[in-house]
N, C-alpha and C. Protein backbone atom coordinates (compact mmCIF):
# COMPACT_ATOMS: atom_id res chain seq x y z
N MET A 1 0.91 -1.10 -0.16
CA MET A 1 -0.26 0.46 0.00
C MET A 1 0.76 1.46 0.01
N PRO A 2 0.60 2.42 -0.91
CA PRO A 2 1.78 3.40 -0.90
C PRO A 2 1.28 4.28 0.04
N LYS A 3 2.29 4.96 0.67
CA LYS A 3 2.26 6.12 1.44
C LYS A 3 1.08 7.48 1.06
N MET A 4 0.25 7.86 1.95
CA MET A 4 -0.43 8.90 1.40
C MET A 4 0.33 10.34 2.18
N ARG A 5 0.66 11.24 1.68
CA ARG A 5 0.72 12.93 2.09
C ARG A 5 -0.13 13.51 1.86
N PHE A 6 -0.34 14.44 3.21
CA PHE A 6 -1.30 15.42 2.52
C PHE A 6 -0.60 16.54 2.98
N SER A 7 -0.81 17.89 2.39
CA SER A 7 -0.54 19.06 2.36
C SER A 7 -1.13 19.84 1.87
N LYS A 8 -0.76 21.22 2.39
CA LYS A 8 -1.97 22.35 2.15
C LYS A 8 -0.47 23.31 1.20
N ILE A 9 -1.00 23.46 0.08
CA ILE A 9 0.20 24.13 -0.90
C ILE A 9 -0.28 25.50 -1.41
N ARG A 10 0.11 26.38 -1.28
CA ARG A 10 -0.66 28.02 -2.17
C ARG A 10 0.23 27.77 -3.26
N ILE A 11 -0.57 27.67 -4.00
CA ILE A 11 -0.31 28.34 -5.39
C ILE A 11 -0.61 29.18 -6.40
N TYR A 12 0.14 30.07 -6.87
CA TYR A 12 0.03 31.27 -7.30
C TYR A 12 0.18 31.29 -8.88
N GLU A 13 -1.02 31.40 -9.39
CA GLU A 13 -0.94 31.58 -10.62
C GLU A 13 -1.09 32.59 -11.55
N PHE A 14 -0.25 33.05 -12.71
CA PHE A 14 0.40 34.25 -13.07
C PHE A 14 -0.77 35.29 -13.18
N LYS A 15 -2.24 34.28 -13.88
CA LYS A 15 -3.55 35.33 -14.44
C LYS A 15 -3.87 35.85 -13.01
N ASP A 16 -4.06 35.09 -12.08
CA ASP A 16 -4.83 35.42 -10.35
C ASP A 16 -4.06 36.76 -9.62
N LEU A 17 -2.56 36.54 -9.80
CA LEU A 17 -1.90 37.93 -9.60
C LEU A 17 -2.29 38.88 -10.12
N ILE A 18 -2.14 39.15 -11.58
CA ILE A 18 -2.67 40.05 -12.19
C ILE A 18 -4.17 40.65 -12.03
N ARG A 19 -4.70 39.78 -11.98
CA ARG A 19 -6.15 40.46 -11.45
C ARG A 19 -6.77 40.48 -9.90
N ASN A 20 -5.87 39.65 -9.17
CA ASN A 20 -6.32 40.09 -7.89
C ASN A 20 -5.43 40.13 -7.05
N LYS A 21 -4.57 41.03 -6.64
CA LYS A 21 -3.24 40.96 -5.82
C LYS A 21 -3.46 41.11 -4.00
N LYS A 22 -4.95 40.81 -3.63
CA LYS A 22 -5.35 40.45 -2.11
C LYS A 22 -4.52 39.24 -1.57
N GLN A 23 -4.89 37.89 -2.04
CA GLN A 23 -4.73 36.59 -1.54
C GLN A 23 -4.33 35.97 -2.56
N PRO A 24 -3.79 34.77 -2.69
CA PRO A 24 -3.34 33.91 -3.76
C PRO A 24 -4.23 32.46 -3.21
N LYS A 25 -4.48 32.10 -4.42
CA LYS A 25 -5.53 30.62 -4.08
C LYS A 25 -4.80 29.32 -3.25
N THR A 26 -5.76 28.85 -2.49
CA THR A 26 -5.48 27.75 -1.27
C THR A 26 -6.05 26.66 -1.70
N LEU A 27 -5.14 25.95 -2.07
CA LEU A 27 -5.66 24.36 -2.49
C LEU A 27 -5.53 23.66 -1.98
N ASP A 28 -5.97 22.45 -1.40
CA ASP A 28 -5.73 21.54 -0.69
C ASP A 28 -5.57 20.13 -1.88
N VAL A 29 -4.09 19.97 -1.57
CA VAL A 29 -3.54 18.74 -2.34
C VAL A 29 -3.20 17.72 -1.58
N LEU A 30 -3.30 16.54 -2.52
CA LEU A 30 -3.33 15.00 -1.90
C LEU A 30 -2.41 14.50 -3.17
N VAL A 31 -1.39 14.14 -2.61
CA VAL A 31 -0.17 13.69 -3.02
C VAL A 31 0.35 12.28 -2.83
N SER A 32 0.09 11.53 -3.79
CA SER A 32 0.27 9.73 -3.72
C SER A 32 1.55 9.40 -4.62
N ARG A 33 2.27 9.04 -3.73
CA ARG A 33 3.41 8.36 -4.63
C ARG A 33 3.17 6.90 -4.91
N LYS A 34 3.38 6.69 -6.05
CA LYS A 34 4.27 5.23 -5.98
C LYS A 34 5.36 4.98 -6.06
N LYS A 35 5.71 3.29 -5.03
CA LYS A 35 7.04 3.45 -5.22
C LYS A 35 7.86 2.67 -6.48
N GLN A 36 6.66 1.79 -6.92
CA GLN A 36 7.47 1.02 -8.24
C GLN A 36 7.77 2.38 -9.51
N LYS A 37 7.07 3.78 -9.46
CA LYS A 37 7.06 4.05 -10.88
C LYS A 37 7.67 5.34 -10.27
N ASN A 38 7.29 6.08 -9.14
CA ASN A 38 7.98 6.91 -8.73
C ASN A 38 7.02 8.01 -9.46
N ASN A 39 5.78 7.76 -9.88
CA ASN A 39 5.03 9.07 -10.32
C ASN A 39 4.21 9.62 -8.85
N ILE A 40 3.91 10.73 -8.89
CA ILE A 40 3.60 11.55 -8.35
C ILE A 40 2.04 11.82 -8.73
N ARG A 41 0.84 11.81 -8.02
CA ARG A 41 -0.23 11.75 -8.40
C ARG A 41 -1.46 13.40 -7.80
N CYS A 42 -1.70 14.64 -7.71
CA CYS A 42 -2.23 15.44 -7.28
C CYS A 42 -3.47 15.24 -8.04
N VAL A 43 -4.42 15.72 -6.77
CA VAL A 43 -5.69 15.90 -7.25
C VAL A 43 -5.75 17.22 -6.34
N LEU A 44 -6.18 18.43 -7.11
CA LEU A 44 -6.64 19.43 -6.46
C LEU A 44 -8.10 20.06 -6.51
N ILE A 45 -8.16 20.31 -5.24
CA ILE A 45 -9.34 20.54 -4.68
C ILE A 45 -9.37 22.23 -3.80
N GLN A 46 -10.32 23.14 -4.86
CA GLN A 46 -10.63 24.24 -4.38
C GLN A 46 -11.55 24.65 -3.66
N LYS A 47 -11.08 25.29 -2.55
CA LYS A 47 -11.59 25.73 -1.21
C LYS A 47 -13.06 26.95 -2.02
N ASN A 48 -14.22 26.39 -1.60
CA ASN A 48 -14.99 27.48 -2.10
C ASN A 48 -15.33 28.78 -1.25
N THR A 49 -15.01 30.24 -1.50
CA THR A 49 -15.36 30.74 -0.35
C THR A 49 -16.31 31.95 -1.20
N GLU A 50 -16.96 32.40 -0.25
CA GLU A 50 -17.79 33.95 -0.31
C GLU A 50 -17.02 35.04 -0.98
N ASP A 51 -15.96 35.27 -0.78
CA ASP A 51 -15.07 35.98 -1.06
C ASP A 51 -14.98 35.80 -2.71
N SER A 52 -14.54 34.49 -3.13
CA SER A 52 -14.09 34.19 -4.26
C SER A 52 -15.51 34.62 -5.42
N HIS A 53 -16.27 33.88 -4.75
CA HIS A 53 -17.81 33.88 -5.42
C HIS A 53 -17.87 35.32 -5.78
N TYR A 54 -17.66 36.22 -4.61
CA TYR A 54 -18.02 37.41 -5.39
C TYR A 54 -16.99 38.31 -6.33
N GLN A 55 -15.93 37.66 -6.25
CA GLN A 55 -14.56 38.23 -7.25
C GLN A 55 -14.83 37.71 -8.23
N LEU A 56 -15.27 36.70 -8.97
CA LEU A 56 -15.89 36.44 -10.24
C LEU A 56 -16.81 36.91 -10.67
N GLN A 57 -17.65 37.52 -9.90
CA GLN A 57 -19.06 38.48 -10.18
C GLN A 57 -18.54 39.62 -11.10
N ASP A 58 -17.21 40.74 -10.30
CA ASP A 58 -16.70 41.36 -10.39
C ASP A 58 -15.95 41.38 -11.70
N ARG A 59 -15.67 40.04 -12.33
CA ARG A 59 -14.86 40.29 -13.53
C ARG A 59 -15.90 40.73 -14.53
N GLY A 60 -17.02 40.80 -15.00
CA GLY A 60 -17.43 41.44 -15.94
C GLY A 60 -18.19 40.40 -16.70
N PRO A 61 -18.87 40.07 -17.92
CA PRO A 61 -19.32 38.91 -18.78
C PRO A 61 -17.66 38.02 -19.10
N LYS A 62 -18.54 37.26 -19.24
CA LYS A 62 -17.61 35.90 -19.91
C LYS A 62 -17.54 35.98 -21.85
N LEU A 63 -16.89 35.25 -22.29
CA LEU A 63 -16.71 35.31 -23.58
C LEU A 63 -18.11 34.61 -24.21
N ALA A 64 -18.64 33.83 -23.51
CA ALA A 64 -19.43 32.97 -23.98
C ALA A 64 -21.34 34.14 -23.91
N ASP A 65 -21.11 34.57 -22.95
CA ASP A 65 -22.29 35.41 -23.01
C ASP A 65 -22.39 36.92 -23.90
N LEU A 66 -21.06 36.90 -24.49
CA LEU A 66 -20.69 38.06 -25.35
C LEU A 66 -21.29 37.19 -26.46
N LEU A 67 -20.83 35.88 -27.30
CA LEU A 67 -20.78 35.22 -28.09
C LEU A 67 -22.75 35.02 -28.49
N GLU A 68 -23.40 35.19 -27.39
CA GLU A 68 -24.75 34.85 -27.47
C GLU A 68 -25.83 36.37 -27.67
N ASN A 69 -25.13 37.40 -27.90
CA ASN A 69 -25.75 38.37 -27.79
C ASN A 69 -24.95 39.20 -29.32
N ILE A 70 -26.20 39.20 -29.97
CA ILE A 70 -25.60 39.15 -31.51
C ILE A 70 -25.03 40.73 -31.40
N ASP A 71 -25.75 41.74 -30.74
CA ASP A 71 -24.59 43.23 -30.60
C ASP A 71 -22.93 43.12 -30.05
N TYR A 72 -22.96 42.09 -29.15
CA TYR A 72 -21.60 41.90 -28.40
C TYR A 72 -20.71 41.21 -29.45
N LEU A 73 -21.66 40.42 -30.22
CA LEU A 73 -20.69 39.57 -31.05
C LEU A 73 -20.42 40.20 -32.26
N ASP A 74 -20.82 41.13 -32.79
CA ASP A 74 -20.69 41.73 -33.73
C ASP A 74 -19.74 42.92 -33.96
N ALA A 75 -19.51 43.41 -32.77
CA ALA A 75 -18.49 44.32 -32.00
C ALA A 75 -17.02 43.39 -31.47
N PHE A 76 -17.54 42.40 -31.24
CA PHE A 76 -16.02 41.64 -30.93
C PHE A 76 -15.48 41.42 -32.34
N ARG A 77 -16.36 40.73 -33.12
CA ARG A 77 -15.64 40.35 -34.35
C ARG A 77 -15.17 41.80 -35.18
N SER A 78 -15.70 42.69 -34.98
CA SER A 78 -14.75 44.07 -35.50
C SER A 78 -13.89 44.55 -34.72
N PHE A 79 -13.49 44.56 -33.45
CA PHE A 79 -12.45 44.53 -32.50
C PHE A 79 -11.60 43.37 -32.66
N LEU A 80 -11.85 42.39 -33.11
CA LEU A 80 -10.60 41.14 -33.89
C LEU A 80 -10.28 41.64 -35.35
N GLN A 81 -10.84 42.43 -36.21
CA GLN A 81 -10.69 42.42 -37.09
C GLN A 81 -9.61 43.86 -37.10
N SER A 82 -9.81 44.62 -35.92
CA SER A 82 -8.98 45.63 -35.83
C SER A 82 -7.58 45.27 -35.38
N GLU A 83 -7.92 43.84 -34.55
CA GLU A 83 -6.47 43.76 -34.51
C GLU A 83 -5.96 42.01 -34.95
N PHE A 84 -6.09 42.12 -36.18
CA PHE A 84 -5.95 41.20 -37.26
C PHE A 84 -5.96 39.81 -36.72
N SER A 85 -6.59 39.44 -35.86
CA SER A 85 -7.28 37.99 -35.76
C SER A 85 -8.55 37.81 -35.91
N ALA A 86 -9.16 38.10 -36.42
CA ALA A 86 -10.89 37.98 -36.62
C ALA A 86 -10.92 36.68 -37.24
N GLU A 87 -9.90 35.57 -38.06
CA GLU A 87 -10.02 33.96 -38.26
C GLU A 87 -10.42 33.57 -37.20
N ASN A 88 -10.11 34.03 -36.18
CA ASN A 88 -10.45 33.16 -35.08
C ASN A 88 -12.21 32.95 -34.83
N ILE A 89 -12.56 33.93 -34.63
CA ILE A 89 -13.87 33.98 -34.33
C ILE A 89 -15.10 33.00 -35.31
N GLU A 90 -14.00 33.62 -36.82
CA GLU A 90 -14.60 33.22 -37.88
C GLU A 90 -14.49 31.77 -37.99
N PHE A 91 -13.54 30.99 -37.81
CA PHE A 91 -13.26 29.45 -37.74
C PHE A 91 -14.60 28.81 -36.38
N TRP A 92 -14.51 29.94 -35.10
CA TRP A 92 -15.47 29.09 -34.37
C TRP A 92 -16.74 28.91 -34.65
N LEU A 93 -17.28 30.43 -35.17
CA LEU A 93 -18.92 30.31 -36.10
C LEU A 93 -19.01 29.17 -36.88
N ALA A 94 -17.67 29.01 -37.96
CA ALA A 94 -17.86 28.11 -38.98
C ALA A 94 -18.34 26.71 -38.51
N CYS A 95 -17.34 26.51 -37.20
CA CYS A 95 -17.49 24.97 -36.17
C CYS A 95 -19.01 25.14 -35.70
N ARG A 96 -19.58 26.19 -35.57
CA ARG A 96 -20.64 26.05 -34.66
C ARG A 96 -21.41 25.23 -35.95
N GLU A 97 -21.73 26.55 -36.76
CA GLU A 97 -22.31 26.07 -38.12
C GLU A 97 -22.12 24.68 -38.57
N TYR A 98 -21.37 24.46 -38.57
CA TYR A 98 -21.06 22.49 -39.26
C TYR A 98 -21.59 21.88 -38.27
N LYS A 99 -21.65 21.97 -37.10
CA LYS A 99 -22.37 21.36 -35.97
C LYS A 99 -23.79 21.05 -36.43
N ARG A 100 -24.11 22.22 -36.63
CA ARG A 100 -25.90 21.60 -37.26
C ARG A 100 -26.03 21.36 -38.20
N THR A 101 -25.35 20.87 -39.23
CA THR A 101 -25.51 20.27 -40.33
C THR A 101 -25.98 18.73 -40.34
N THR A 102 -27.12 18.84 -41.10
CA THR A 102 -27.42 17.29 -41.08
C THR A 102 -27.19 15.96 -41.78
N SER A 103 -27.31 16.88 -43.01
CA SER A 103 -26.82 15.57 -43.82
C SER A 103 -25.27 15.25 -44.09
N SER A 104 -25.40 13.96 -44.18
CA SER A 104 -23.66 13.72 -44.33
C SER A 104 -23.13 13.98 -45.42
N GLY A 105 -23.96 14.30 -46.92
CA GLY A 105 -23.04 15.09 -47.79
C GLY A 105 -22.62 16.25 -48.04
N LYS A 106 -23.78 17.18 -47.18
CA LYS A 106 -22.95 18.35 -46.99
C LYS A 106 -21.83 18.20 -45.97
N LEU A 107 -22.35 17.71 -44.83
CA LEU A 107 -20.98 17.36 -44.13
C LEU A 107 -19.44 16.96 -44.20
N CYS A 108 -19.54 16.33 -45.72
CA CYS A 108 -18.13 16.22 -45.94
C CYS A 108 -17.69 17.70 -46.68
N ASN A 109 -18.47 18.45 -46.99
CA ASN A 109 -17.86 19.52 -47.83
C ASN A 109 -18.05 20.33 -47.32
N LYS A 110 -19.06 20.93 -45.93
CA LYS A 110 -18.62 21.65 -45.22
C LYS A 110 -17.15 21.55 -44.41
N ALA A 111 -16.74 20.20 -43.83
CA ALA A 111 -15.52 19.80 -43.66
C ALA A 111 -14.39 20.34 -44.19
N ALA A 112 -14.18 20.21 -45.61
CA ALA A 112 -13.52 20.20 -46.05
C ALA A 112 -13.32 21.44 -46.56
N ASP A 113 -14.18 22.37 -46.70
CA ASP A 113 -14.24 24.22 -46.86
C ASP A 113 -13.54 24.77 -45.47
N ILE A 114 -13.90 23.97 -44.43
CA ILE A 114 -13.09 24.64 -43.49
C ILE A 114 -12.11 24.50 -43.20
N TYR A 115 -11.70 22.85 -43.59
CA TYR A 115 -10.11 22.51 -43.53
C TYR A 115 -9.37 23.60 -44.76
N LYS A 116 -9.99 23.87 -46.07
CA LYS A 116 -9.28 24.85 -46.86
C LYS A 116 -9.26 25.98 -46.42
N GLU A 117 -10.45 26.25 -45.87
CA GLU A 117 -10.19 28.10 -45.41
C GLU A 117 -9.67 27.87 -44.34
N PHE A 118 -9.19 27.56 -43.07
CA PHE A 118 -8.82 27.64 -41.94
C PHE A 118 -7.84 26.92 -41.28
N LEU A 119 -7.25 25.70 -41.60
CA LEU A 119 -6.63 24.98 -41.35
C LEU A 119 -5.83 24.71 -41.82
N HIS A 120 -5.88 24.74 -43.65
CA HIS A 120 -4.56 23.88 -43.99
C HIS A 120 -3.25 25.34 -44.36
N PRO A 121 -1.96 24.56 -44.15
CA PRO A 121 -1.03 25.67 -43.69
C PRO A 121 -0.62 26.74 -44.84
N MET A 122 -1.57 26.82 -46.31
CA MET A 122 -1.68 27.48 -46.84
C MET A 122 -2.85 28.82 -46.26
N ALA A 123 -3.88 28.34 -45.96
CA ALA A 123 -5.19 29.24 -45.90
C ALA A 123 -4.77 30.63 -45.54
N GLN A 124 -5.49 31.39 -46.52
CA GLN A 124 -5.76 32.79 -46.19
C GLN A 124 -5.93 33.48 -44.38
N LYS A 125 -6.73 32.31 -44.08
CA LYS A 125 -7.32 32.72 -42.61
C LYS A 125 -6.73 31.66 -41.51
N GLU A 126 -5.80 31.14 -41.57
CA GLU A 126 -5.20 30.16 -40.82
C GLU A 126 -5.15 30.19 -39.59
N VAL A 127 -5.85 29.85 -38.82
CA VAL A 127 -5.77 29.83 -37.45
C VAL A 127 -4.72 29.41 -36.63
N ASN A 128 -4.08 29.56 -35.54
CA ASN A 128 -3.37 28.88 -34.62
C ASN A 128 -3.27 28.04 -33.94
N ILE A 129 -3.30 26.75 -34.62
CA ILE A 129 -3.73 25.29 -33.74
C ILE A 129 -2.38 24.76 -33.62
N ASN A 130 -1.91 23.65 -32.79
CA ASN A 130 -0.34 22.87 -32.90
C ASN A 130 -0.80 21.94 -34.29
N HIS A 131 0.34 20.90 -34.53
CA HIS A 131 0.45 20.50 -35.68
C HIS A 131 -0.49 18.90 -35.35
N HIS A 132 -0.28 18.32 -34.16
CA HIS A 132 -0.64 17.41 -33.81
C HIS A 132 -2.17 17.32 -34.07
N THR A 133 -3.09 18.45 -33.37
CA THR A 133 -4.59 18.57 -34.03
C THR A 133 -5.07 18.98 -35.39
N ARG A 134 -3.59 19.53 -35.92
CA ARG A 134 -4.07 20.02 -37.11
C ARG A 134 -4.20 18.76 -38.02
N GLU A 135 -3.21 17.74 -38.06
CA GLU A 135 -2.58 16.49 -38.84
C GLU A 135 -4.23 15.49 -38.54
N LYS A 136 -4.62 15.62 -37.47
CA LYS A 136 -5.55 14.63 -36.48
C LYS A 136 -6.96 15.16 -37.27
N ILE A 137 -6.91 16.58 -37.46
CA ILE A 137 -8.14 16.95 -38.30
C ILE A 137 -8.19 16.43 -39.75
N LYS A 138 -7.16 16.44 -40.39
CA LYS A 138 -6.59 16.24 -41.58
C LYS A 138 -7.25 14.70 -41.88
N ARG A 139 -6.99 13.80 -40.85
CA ARG A 139 -7.00 12.50 -40.75
C ARG A 139 -8.67 12.00 -41.05
N SER A 140 -9.14 12.95 -40.35
CA SER A 140 -10.98 12.59 -39.66
C SER A 140 -11.34 13.36 -41.24
N LEU A 141 -10.90 13.61 -42.07
CA LEU A 141 -11.89 14.48 -43.03
C LEU A 141 -12.27 12.92 -44.41
N VAL A 142 -11.21 12.31 -43.82
CA VAL A 142 -11.88 10.95 -44.82
C VAL A 142 -13.42 10.89 -44.62
N LYS A 143 -13.51 10.54 -43.04
CA LYS A 143 -14.83 10.29 -42.90
C LYS A 143 -15.92 11.29 -41.58
N PRO A 144 -15.90 12.34 -42.13
CA PRO A 144 -15.93 13.38 -41.12
C PRO A 144 -17.14 12.98 -40.22
N ASP A 145 -16.95 13.35 -38.84
CA ASP A 145 -18.44 13.58 -38.14
C ASP A 145 -18.32 15.13 -37.40
N LEU A 146 -19.29 15.26 -36.79
CA LEU A 146 -19.56 16.38 -35.99
C LEU A 146 -18.93 16.64 -34.91
N THR A 147 -17.63 15.88 -34.59
CA THR A 147 -16.76 16.26 -33.48
C THR A 147 -15.73 16.36 -34.25
N CYS A 148 -15.27 16.13 -35.34
CA CYS A 148 -14.05 16.37 -36.06
C CYS A 148 -13.51 17.59 -35.60
N PHE A 149 -14.02 18.90 -35.51
CA PHE A 149 -13.31 19.83 -35.35
C PHE A 149 -13.08 20.22 -33.42
N ASP A 150 -13.72 19.39 -32.98
CA ASP A 150 -13.80 19.73 -31.26
C ASP A 150 -12.56 20.26 -30.47
N GLU A 151 -11.67 19.69 -30.94
CA GLU A 151 -10.53 19.68 -30.12
C GLU A 151 -9.65 21.30 -30.85
N ALA A 152 -9.64 21.87 -31.87
CA ALA A 152 -9.24 23.05 -32.72
C ALA A 152 -10.47 24.03 -32.12
N GLU A 153 -11.70 23.66 -32.12
CA GLU A 153 -12.42 24.58 -31.68
C GLU A 153 -12.49 25.52 -30.17
N MET A 154 -11.95 24.29 -29.14
CA MET A 154 -12.27 24.46 -27.95
C MET A 154 -10.70 25.23 -27.68
N HIS A 155 -9.04 24.75 -28.70
CA HIS A 155 -8.44 25.65 -28.32
C HIS A 155 -8.63 27.17 -28.47
N ILE A 156 -9.12 27.68 -30.02
CA ILE A 156 -9.61 28.75 -30.44
C ILE A 156 -10.40 29.49 -29.48
N TYR A 157 -11.52 28.90 -29.17
CA TYR A 157 -12.28 29.41 -27.70
C TYR A 157 -11.77 30.17 -26.21
N ARG A 158 -10.47 28.89 -25.80
CA ARG A 158 -9.75 29.15 -25.16
C ARG A 158 -9.05 30.51 -25.09
N LEU A 159 -8.16 30.14 -26.50
CA LEU A 159 -7.65 31.68 -26.87
C LEU A 159 -8.07 32.72 -27.05
N MET A 160 -9.31 32.79 -27.26
CA MET A 160 -10.11 34.01 -27.17
C MET A 160 -10.43 34.42 -26.08
N GLU A 161 -10.67 33.57 -25.11
CA GLU A 161 -11.12 33.84 -24.22
C GLU A 161 -10.25 34.46 -22.80
N GLU A 162 -8.97 33.82 -23.11
CA GLU A 162 -7.92 34.48 -22.45
C GLU A 162 -6.84 35.55 -22.86
N ASP A 163 -6.90 35.61 -23.90
CA ASP A 163 -6.40 36.62 -25.05
C ASP A 163 -6.91 37.87 -25.38
N SER A 164 -8.20 37.79 -26.29
CA SER A 164 -8.84 38.60 -27.16
C SER A 164 -9.96 39.67 -26.28
N CYS A 165 -10.78 38.44 -25.55
CA CYS A 165 -11.87 38.66 -24.64
C CYS A 165 -11.29 39.93 -23.63
N PRO A 166 -10.62 39.44 -23.06
CA PRO A 166 -10.20 40.57 -21.66
C PRO A 166 -9.45 42.09 -22.29
N ARG A 167 -9.11 42.06 -23.22
CA ARG A 167 -8.37 43.40 -24.48
C ARG A 167 -10.14 43.87 -24.66
N PHE A 168 -10.44 43.29 -25.14
CA PHE A 168 -11.95 43.68 -25.76
C PHE A 168 -12.83 44.10 -24.64
N LEU A 169 -13.20 43.49 -23.61
CA LEU A 169 -13.96 44.33 -22.60
C LEU A 169 -12.92 45.61 -22.02
N LYS A 170 -11.38 45.64 -22.23
CA LYS A 170 -11.01 47.12 -21.77
C LYS A 170 -11.32 48.01 -22.56
N SER A 171 -11.72 47.64 -24.12
CA SER A 171 -11.74 48.60 -25.48
C SER A 171 -12.66 49.15 -25.28
N GLU A 172 -12.52 50.94 -26.24
CA GLU A 172 -13.43 51.77 -25.99
C GLU A 172 -14.83 51.20 -26.99
N ALA A 173 -14.78 50.66 -27.99
CA ALA A 173 -15.88 50.06 -28.34
C ALA A 173 -16.61 48.90 -27.43
N TYR A 174 -16.28 48.37 -26.63
CA TYR A 174 -17.22 47.65 -25.50
C TYR A 174 -17.87 48.02 -24.26
N GLN A 175 -16.69 49.62 -24.05
CA GLN A 175 -17.65 50.51 -22.89
C GLN A 175 -18.74 51.26 -23.83
N ASN A 176 -18.60 51.70 -25.01
CA ASN A 176 -19.37 52.41 -25.49
C ASN A 176 -20.97 51.69 -25.69
N LEU A 177 -20.62 50.14 -26.55
CA LEU A 177 -21.87 49.66 -26.45
C LEU A 177 -22.58 49.26 -25.12
N ARG A 178 -21.41 48.47 -24.07
CA ARG A 178 -22.17 48.77 -22.67
C ARG A 178 -22.99 50.01 -22.40
N ASN A 179 -22.65 50.61 -22.53
CA ASN A 179 -23.24 52.47 -22.16
C ASN A 179 -24.38 52.57 -23.04
N ALA A 180 -24.40 52.13 -24.08
CA ALA A 180 -25.25 52.33 -24.73
C ALA A 180 -26.95 51.35 -24.12
N ALA A 181 -26.46 50.19 -23.96
CA ALA A 181 -27.21 49.01 -23.58
C ALA A 181 -27.99 49.63 -22.31
N ARG A 182 -27.46 50.35 -21.44
CA ARG A 182 -27.64 50.94 -20.16
C ARG A 182 -28.55 52.17 -20.13
N ASN A 183 -28.09 52.86 -20.89
CA ASN A 183 -28.59 53.80 -21.41
C ASN A 183 -29.72 54.33 -22.49
N PRO A 184 -30.94 53.63 -23.10
CA PRO A 184 -31.36 53.46 -23.99
C PRO A 184 -32.26 55.07 -24.24
N VAL A 185 -31.84 55.61 -25.71
CA VAL A 185 -32.37 56.70 -26.23
C VAL A 185 -33.38 56.75 -25.93
């Protein structure tokens, strides 16, 4: 039976230090070490506090909220165009449209079109994904299914969520749109 060690560790995440300089997150860590393989397994359990709940509410809307509202989506798309990264939102929207396809014949054509437009190494609107994901999608184009772009779609979504969305929320375009929504004419 492997020995179990319990310890409380403070973990400082870079993005949390920028957003909230008050206190680092406290996590309970369960560490289990196997003697034969010398592997360490960690299970992280974040403590829920009332303070952290209120901090999440103060950060503003999330990317999912922006993408559900057509006005914010259009403003976000314009913002990405101004930053020369509109291919990210266009790829994400193309993947969402692809998942609504019901005909298998159309599925093949749409999958090939998405690959040519966004994933091919010489594409005009090439998105930034790793080679492994690109090759996995390329292999799946032989017989595409509704999930063949999921990994790339989630990668691009996280990229927009962590990089583009925070900049958009600080932009003048977002502030003007938000103020217009609060004060209708």
